[in-house]
C-alpha atoms as a PDB file:
ATOM      1  CA  MET A   1      -3.615 -14.605  53.342  1.00  0.00           C
ATOM      2  CA  SER A   2      -2.967 -12.270  56.266  1.00  0.00           C
ATOM      3  CA  LEU A   3      -5.104  -9.162  56.694  1.00  0.00           C
ATOM      4  CA  ARG A   4      -2.117  -6.888  56.160  1.00  0.00           C
ATOM      5  CA  LYS A   5      -1.263  -8.632  52.886  1.00  0.00           C
ATOM      6  CA  LYS A   6      -4.888  -8.509  51.766  1.00  0.00           C
ATOM      7  CA  VAL A   7      -5.085  -4.784  52.498  1.00  0.00           C
ATOM      8  CA  ALA A   8      -1.780  -4.200  50.696  1.00  0.00           C
ATOM      9  CA  ASN A   9      -3.099  -5.949  47.599  1.00  0.00           C
ATOM     10  CA  LEU A  10      -6.349  -3.984  47.626  1.00  0.00           C
ATOM     11  CA  LEU A  11      -4.464  -0.717  48.028  1.00  0.00           C
ATOM     12  CA  ALA A  12      -2.177  -1.626  45.138  1.00  0.00           C
ATOM     13  CA  GLN A  13      -5.264  -2.214  42.984  1.00  0.00           C
ATOM     14  CA  GLY A  14      -6.967   0.972  44.182  1.00  0.00           C
ATOM     15  CA  GLN A  15      -9.934  -0.991  45.568  1.00  0.00           C
ATOM     16  CA  LEU A  16     -10.601   1.364  48.469  1.00  0.00           C
ATOM     17  CA  ASP A  17     -14.302   0.683  48.945  1.00  0.00           C
ATOM     18  CA  GLU A  18     -13.481  -3.009  49.227  1.00  0.00           C
ATOM     19  CA  ILE A  19     -11.118  -2.175  52.081  1.00  0.00           C
ATOM     20  CA  ALA A  20     -13.854  -0.235  53.853  1.00  0.00           C
ATOM     21  CA  ALA A  21     -16.232  -3.169  53.411  1.00  0.00           C
ATOM     22  CA  LEU A  22     -13.815  -5.407  55.301  1.00  0.00           C
ATOM     23  CA  THR A  23     -14.711  -3.544  58.493  1.00  0.00           C
ATOM     24  CA  ASP A  24     -18.049  -5.359  58.525  1.00  0.00           C
ATOM     25  CA  THR A  25     -16.272  -8.556  59.523  1.00  0.00           C
ATOM     26  CA  THR A  26     -12.753  -7.496  60.516  1.00  0.00           C
ATOM     27  CA  PRO A  27     -12.455  -4.746  63.160  1.00  0.00           C
ATOM     28  CA  THR A  28      -8.667  -4.420  62.780  1.00  0.00           C
ATOM     29  CA  VAL A  29      -8.751  -3.181  59.193  1.00  0.00           C
ATOM     30  CA  ALA A  30      -7.894   0.392  60.178  1.00  0.00           C
ATOM     31  CA  SER A  31      -4.692  -0.754  61.850  1.00  0.00           C
ATOM     32  CA  ALA A  32      -3.604  -2.646  58.740  1.00  0.00           C
ATOM     33  CA  VAL A  33      -4.273   0.380  56.541  1.00  0.00           C
ATOM     34  CA  THR A  34      -2.558   2.791  58.923  1.00  0.00           C
ATOM     35  CA  SER A  35       0.720   0.934  58.510  1.00  0.00           C
ATOM     36  CA  ARG A  36       0.779   2.048  54.872  1.00  0.00           C
ATOM     37  CA  LEU A  37       0.879   5.703  55.872  1.00  0.00           C
ATOM     38  CA  TYR A  38       4.602   5.173  56.453  1.00  0.00           C
ATOM     39  CA  ASP A  39       5.144   4.178  52.815  1.00  0.00           C
ATOM     40  CA  ALA A  40       7.736   6.117  50.824  1.00  0.00           C
ATOM     41  CA  ASP A  41       5.470   6.112  47.759  1.00  0.00           C
ATOM     42  CA  ALA A  42       3.090   9.079  47.518  1.00  0.00           C
ATOM     43  CA  LEU A  43       0.326   7.116  45.804  1.00  0.00           C
ATOM     44  CA  ALA A  44       0.416   4.437  48.506  1.00  0.00           C
ATOM     45  CA  ARG A  45       0.099   7.096  51.212  1.00  0.00           C
ATOM     46  CA  PHE A  46      -2.751   8.895  49.474  1.00  0.00           C
ATOM     47  CA  ARG A  47      -4.642   5.675  48.901  1.00  0.00           C
ATOM     48  CA  ALA A  48      -4.144   4.608  52.518  1.00  0.00           C
ATOM     49  CA  ALA A  49      -5.438   7.962  53.763  1.00  0.00           C
ATOM     50  CA  ASP A  50      -8.373   7.803  51.363  1.00  0.00           C
ATOM     51  CA  ALA A  51      -9.170   4.274  52.517  1.00  0.00           C
ATOM     52  CA  LEU A  52      -9.047   5.292  56.179  1.00  0.00           C
ATOM     53  CA  GLY A  53     -11.546   8.046  55.473  1.00  0.00           C
ATOM     54  CA  ARG A  54     -13.872   5.495  53.921  1.00  0.00           C
ATOM     55  CA  VAL A  55     -13.374   3.078  56.797  1.00  0.00           C
ATOM     56  CA  ALA A  56     -14.148   5.811  59.324  1.00  0.00           C
ATOM     57  CA  ALA A  57     -17.248   6.912  57.425  1.00  0.00           C
ATOM     58  CA  ARG A  58     -18.489   3.332  57.472  1.00  0.00           C
ATOM     59  CA  ILE A  59     -18.057   2.826  61.232  1.00  0.00           C
ATOM     60  CA  ILE A  60     -18.551   6.322  62.690  1.00  0.00           C
ATOM     61  CA  THR A  61     -22.116   5.624  63.773  1.00  0.00           C
ATOM     62  CA  SER A  62     -21.516   2.250  65.392  1.00  0.00           C
ATOM     63  CA  HIS A  63     -17.906   2.658  66.549  1.00  0.00           C
ATOM     64  CA  ARG A  64     -17.365   6.366  67.101  1.00  0.00           C
ATOM     65  CA  VAL A  65     -14.877   5.811  69.908  1.00  0.00           C
ATOM     66  CA  SER A  66     -12.704   3.753  67.561  1.00  0.00           C
ATOM     67  CA  VAL A  67     -12.648   6.611  65.052  1.00  0.00           C
ATOM     68  CA  GLU A  68     -11.743   9.099  67.770  1.00  0.00           C
ATOM     69  CA  GLN A  69      -8.934   6.821  68.955  1.00  0.00           C
ATOM     70  CA  LEU A  70      -7.636   6.503  65.398  1.00  0.00           C
ATOM     71  CA  LEU A  71      -7.459  10.271  65.015  1.00  0.00           C
ATOM     72  CA  HIS A  72      -5.662  10.542  68.343  1.00  0.00           C
ATOM     73  CA  LYS A  73      -3.062   8.005  67.177  1.00  0.00           C
ATOM     74  CA  LEU A  74      -2.568   9.873  63.909  1.00  0.00           C
ATOM     75  CA  ALA A  75      -2.088  13.156  65.762  1.00  0.00           C
ATOM     76  CA  TRP A  76       0.482  11.460  67.984  1.00  0.00           C
ATOM     77  CA  ALA A  77       2.292  10.214  64.879  1.00  0.00           C
ATOM     78  CA  LEU A  78       2.896  13.848  63.917  1.00  0.00           C
ATOM     79  CA  ASN A  79       4.655  14.422  67.222  1.00  0.00           C
ATOM     80  CA  GLU A  80       8.457  14.379  67.190  1.00  0.00           C
ATOM     81  CA  GLU A  81       8.379  12.151  70.255  1.00  0.00           C
ATOM     82  CA  SER A  82       6.453   9.396  68.458  1.00  0.00           C
ATOM     83  CA  GLY A  83       9.756   8.006  67.201  1.00  0.00           C
ATOM     84  CA  ALA A  84       8.576   7.264  63.656  1.00  0.00           C
ATOM     85  CA  THR A  85       7.499   9.208  60.605  1.00  0.00           C
ATOM     86  CA  ALA A  86       3.968   8.523  59.415  1.00  0.00           C
ATOM     87  CA  TRP A  87       4.265  10.641  56.285  1.00  0.00           C
ATOM     88  CA  GLY A  88       0.601  10.098  55.412  1.00  0.00           C
ATOM     89  CA  ALA A  89      -0.805  10.879  58.874  1.00  0.00           C
ATOM     90  CA  PRO A  90      -1.970  14.436  58.091  1.00  0.00           C
ATOM     91  CA  HIS A  91      -3.609  13.265  54.860  1.00  0.00           C
ATOM     92  CA  ALA A  92      -5.517  10.644  56.829  1.00  0.00           C
ATOM     93  CA  MET A  93      -6.498  13.096  59.562  1.00  0.00           C
ATOM     94  CA  GLY A  94      -8.111  15.282  56.944  1.00  0.00           C
ATOM     95  CA  GLU A  95      -9.954  12.417  55.304  1.00  0.00           C
ATOM     96  CA  ILE A  96     -11.334  11.233  58.640  1.00  0.00           C
ATOM     97  CA  ALA A  97     -12.067  14.598  60.266  1.00  0.00           C
ATOM     98  CA  ARG A  98     -14.087  15.777  57.271  1.00  0.00           C
ATOM     99  CA  ILE A  99     -16.751  13.110  57.811  1.00  0.00           C
ATOM    100  CA  ASP A 100     -18.044  14.652  61.040  1.00  0.00           C
ATOM    101  CA  PRO A 101     -18.497  18.289  62.163  1.00  0.00           C
ATOM    102  CA  THR A 102     -17.346  17.637  65.728  1.00  0.00           C
ATOM    103  CA  LEU A 103     -14.187  15.858  64.605  1.00  0.00           C
ATOM    104  CA  ALA A 104     -13.533  18.573  62.037  1.00  0.00           C
ATOM    105  CA  SER A 105     -13.820  21.328  64.641  1.00  0.00           C
ATOM    106  CA  GLN A 106     -11.457  19.423  66.934  1.00  0.00           C
ATOM    107  CA  TYR A 107      -8.730  18.573  64.460  1.00  0.00           C
ATOM    108  CA  GLN A 108      -8.755  21.381  61.901  1.00  0.00           C
ATOM    109  CA  PRO A 109      -7.145  23.820  64.399  1.00  0.00           C
ATOM    110  CA  LEU A 110      -4.449  21.260  65.162  1.00  0.00           C
ATOM    111  CA  LEU A 111      -3.694  20.773  61.477  1.00  0.00           C
ATOM    112  CA  LEU A 112      -3.621  24.509  60.926  1.00  0.00           C
ATOM    113  CA  SER A 113      -1.181  24.960  63.806  1.00  0.00           C
ATOM    114  CA  TYR A 114       1.331  22.833  61.929  1.00  0.00           C
ATOM    115  CA  LEU A 115       1.138  25.137  58.934  1.00  0.00           C
ATOM    116  CA  ASP A 116       0.626  28.479  60.626  1.00  0.00           C
ATOM    117  CA  ASP A 117       3.043  28.336  63.545  1.00  0.00           C
ATOM    118  CA  GLU A 118       6.706  28.579  62.616  1.00  0.00           C
ATOM    119  CA  GLU A 119       7.675  27.003  65.931  1.00  0.00           C
ATOM    120  CA  VAL A 120       5.747  23.805  65.174  1.00  0.00           C
ATOM    121  CA  TYR A 121       7.936  21.120  63.641  1.00  0.00           C
ATOM    122  CA  LEU A 122       6.907  19.680  60.294  1.00  0.00           C
ATOM    123  CA  GLY A 123      10.180  18.167  59.173  1.00  0.00           C
ATOM    124  CA  THR A 124       9.856  17.883  55.392  1.00  0.00           C
ATOM    125  CA  ASP A 125       7.818  19.092  52.435  1.00  0.00           C
ATOM    126  CA  ILE A 126       6.031  15.737  52.485  1.00  0.00           C
ATOM    127  CA  MET A 127       4.435  16.583  55.820  1.00  0.00           C
ATOM    128  CA  VAL A 128       3.531  20.061  54.588  1.00  0.00           C
ATOM    129  CA  HIS A 129       1.850  18.463  51.580  1.00  0.00           C
ATOM    130  CA  GLY A 130      -0.289  16.352  53.878  1.00  0.00           C
ATOM    131  CA  VAL A 131      -1.345  19.238  56.094  1.00  0.00           C
ATOM    132  CA  VAL A 132      -2.260  21.420  53.112  1.00  0.00           C
ATOM    133  CA  TRP A 133      -4.246  18.567  51.592  1.00  0.00           C
ATOM    134  CA  ALA A 134      -6.058  17.952  54.872  1.00  0.00           C
ATOM    135  CA  LEU A 135      -6.957  21.606  55.380  1.00  0.00           C
ATOM    136  CA  GLY A 136      -8.439  21.717  51.904  1.00  0.00           C
ATOM    137  CA  ARG A 137     -10.436  18.548  52.400  1.00  0.00           C
ATOM    138  CA  VAL A 138     -11.872  19.644  55.748  1.00  0.00           C
ATOM    139  CA  GLY A 139     -12.501  23.155  54.449  1.00  0.00           C
ATOM    140  CA  GLU A 140     -14.338  21.800  51.428  1.00  0.00           C
ATOM    141  CA  ARG A 141     -16.891  20.113  53.688  1.00  0.00           C
ATOM    142  CA  PHE A 142     -16.950  22.853  56.341  1.00  0.00           C
ATOM    143  CA  PRO A 143     -16.176  26.233  54.718  1.00  0.00           C
ATOM    144  CA  GLU A 144     -16.505  28.097  58.009  1.00  0.00           C
ATOM    145  CA  LEU A 145     -13.542  26.098  59.329  1.00  0.00           C
ATOM    146  CA  GLY A 146     -11.705  26.386  56.039  1.00  0.00           C
ATOM    147  CA  ALA A 147     -11.852  30.171  56.217  1.00  0.00           C
ATOM    148  CA  ALA A 148      -9.437  30.153  59.140  1.00  0.00           C
ATOM    149  CA  ALA A 149      -6.830  28.360  57.012  1.00  0.00           C
ATOM    150  CA  VAL A 150      -6.952  30.783  54.081  1.00  0.00           C
ATOM    151  CA  PRO A 151      -4.186  33.182  55.249  1.00  0.00           C
ATOM    152  CA  ALA A 152      -1.747  30.332  55.887  1.00  0.00           C
ATOM    153  CA  LEU A 153      -2.570  28.713  52.543  1.00  0.00           C
ATOM    154  CA  LEU A 154      -2.120  32.004  50.706  1.00  0.00           C
ATOM    155  CA  LYS A 155       1.408  32.237  52.126  1.00  0.00           C
ATOM    156  CA  ARG A 156       2.160  28.790  50.739  1.00  0.00           C
ATOM    157  CA  LEU A 157       1.452  30.000  47.216  1.00  0.00           C
ATOM    158  CA  GLN A 158       4.939  31.495  47.380  1.00  0.00           C
ATOM    159  CA  ASP A 159       6.559  28.285  48.569  1.00  0.00           C
ATOM    160  CA  PRO A 160       9.621  27.161  46.558  1.00  0.00           C
ATOM    161  CA  ASP A 161       8.283  23.589  46.503  1.00  0.00           C
ATOM    162  CA  ASP A 162       6.126  23.010  43.410  1.00  0.00           C
ATOM    163  CA  SER A 163       3.826  20.456  45.016  1.00  0.00           C
ATOM    164  CA  THR A 164       3.213  22.670  48.033  1.00  0.00           C
ATOM    165  CA  ARG A 165       2.115  25.502  45.745  1.00  0.00           C
ATOM    166  CA  ALA A 166      -0.086  23.178  43.707  1.00  0.00           C
ATOM    167  CA  LEU A 167      -1.737  21.657  46.778  1.00  0.00           C
ATOM    168  CA  SER A 168      -2.310  25.120  48.231  1.00  0.00           C
ATOM    169  CA  VAL A 169      -4.004  26.227  45.020  1.00  0.00           C
ATOM    170  CA  GLU A 170      -6.250  23.189  45.108  1.00  0.00           C
ATOM    171  CA  ALA A 171      -7.018  23.606  48.804  1.00  0.00           C
ATOM    172  CA  LEU A 172      -7.993  27.245  48.327  1.00  0.00           C
ATOM    173  CA  GLY A 173     -10.336  26.224  45.537  1.00  0.00           C
ATOM    174  CA  ARG A 174     -11.941  23.606  47.732  1.00  0.00           C
ATOM    175  CA  ILE A 175     -12.485  26.101  50.538  1.00  0.00           C
ATOM    176  CA  GLY A 176     -13.914  28.590  48.059  1.00  0.00           C
ATOM    177  CA  ASP A 177     -13.112  31.757  50.003  1.00  0.00           C
ATOM    178  CA  GLY A 178     -13.224  34.873  47.820  1.00  0.00           C
ATOM    179  CA  ARG A 179     -10.084  36.274  49.455  1.00  0.00           C
ATOM    180  CA  ALA A 180      -8.087  33.861  47.310  1.00  0.00           C
ATOM    181  CA  LYS A 181      -9.191  35.354  43.977  1.00  0.00           C
ATOM    182  CA  GLU A 182      -6.287  37.685  43.214  1.00  0.00           C
ATOM    183  CA  PRO A 183      -3.565  35.330  44.514  1.00  0.00           C
ATOM    184  CA  LEU A 184      -5.045  32.497  42.453  1.00  0.00           C
ATOM    185  CA  LEU A 185      -5.196  34.668  39.362  1.00  0.00           C
ATOM    186  CA  ALA A 186      -1.455  35.189  39.785  1.00  0.00           C
ATOM    187  CA  GLN A 187      -0.993  31.406  39.598  1.00  0.00           C
ATOM    188  CA  THR A 188      -2.700  31.070  36.216  1.00  0.00           C
ATOM    189  CA  GLY A 189       0.569  31.800  34.475  1.00  0.00           C
ATOM    190  CA  ASP A 190       2.445  28.976  36.191  1.00  0.00           C
ATOM    191  CA  GLU A 191       2.934  26.115  33.732  1.00  0.00           C
ATOM    192  CA  THR A 192       4.847  23.993  36.255  1.00  0.00           C
ATOM    193  CA  ARG A 193       3.611  20.423  36.155  1.00  0.00           C
ATOM    194  CA  VAL A 194       3.064  18.315  39.252  1.00  0.00           C
ATOM    195  CA  GLU A 195       1.237  15.133  40.150  1.00  0.00           C
ATOM    196  CA  ARG A 196      -2.065  15.335  42.034  1.00  0.00           C
ATOM    197  CA  TYR A 197      -4.143  12.630  43.655  1.00  0.00           C
ATOM    198  CA  LEU A 198      -7.475  12.135  41.920  1.00  0.00           C
ATOM    199  CA  ASP A 199      -9.854   9.179  42.157  1.00  0.00           C
ATOM    200  CA  GLY A 200      -7.220   6.808  43.443  1.00  0.00           C
ATOM    201  CA  GLN A 201      -4.490   7.773  40.964  1.00  0.00           C
ATOM    202  CA  MET A 202      -1.646  10.256  40.673  1.00  0.00           C
ATOM    203  CA  VAL A 203      -2.434  12.441  37.664  1.00  0.00           C
ATOM    204  CA  PRO A 204      -0.054  14.955  36.013  1.00  0.00           C
ATOM    205  CA  VAL A 205      -1.407  18.493  35.888  1.00  0.00           C
ATOM    206  CA  SER A 206      -0.106  22.055  35.673  1.00  0.00           C
ATOM    207  CA  ILE A 207      -0.465  24.575  38.470  1.00  0.00           C
ATOM    208  CA  LYS A 208      -2.139  26.824  35.895  1.00  0.00           C
ATOM    209  CA  THR A 209      -4.868  24.236  35.325  1.00  0.00           C
ATOM    210  CA  LEU A 210      -5.391  23.836  39.072  1.00  0.00           C
ATOM    211  CA  ALA A 211      -5.594  27.606  39.521  1.00  0.00           C
ATOM    212  CA  VAL A 212      -8.203  28.020  36.782  1.00  0.00           C
ATOM    213  CA  ALA A 213     -10.285  25.247  38.327  1.00  0.00           C
ATOM    214  CA  ALA A 214      -9.884  26.742  41.811  1.00  0.00           C
ATOM    215  CA  LEU A 215     -11.068  30.160  40.630  1.00  0.00           C
ATOM    216  CA  GLU A 216     -14.256  28.601  39.311  1.00  0.00           C
ATOM    217  CA  ARG A 217     -15.047  27.293  42.782  1.00  0.00           C
ATOM    218  CA  LEU A 218     -14.677  30.574  44.653  1.00  0.00           C
ATOM    219  CA  ARG A 219     -17.725  32.131  46.243  1.00  0.00           C
ATOM    220  CA  PRO A 220     -18.367  35.858  45.625  1.00  0.00           C
END
């Protein structure tokens, strides 16, 4: 069985730690996983990004340059000139950058620029979803970096796209900045249901439920 097929099977089964373990004997695992970031299915993209974060965490000490090169490739994939659409690239950037403070400080501003600068091209709501997710994941690990993303995320609470609002609520909860309290309280009346990624699965949940949970995570 080819590596790409093996990785595809493991992703389909949600066996993400098993994918990370493959790096012990197969250095090209990250490349095989990255190809799934182009998948049209949201769960496949989330799992691929999650797996890449686990792969990077496993090799960061011994193969730091490889992790840095992977992030560079993902950032390039967000560029219009790359010629292809890696819908899951921002998700993966967040999962990888959050494992290391230096990487986080390098890539969080880039991710934020895609959300905060109206002149930066994002293309579709799918890309916005990924950037919001990534900002929340990095900000959860490094709140001082997350604080810079709060104003842009607060604006997204008014987005017409349900998933963008839901992801913004969740990201604000992860960052835990007290400035989000009143805006999050306003979301507790929103019964709109969306699907969120949790523990390798897409789980239905209401924005109200996400907002209540996010409020509980805010710092004073």
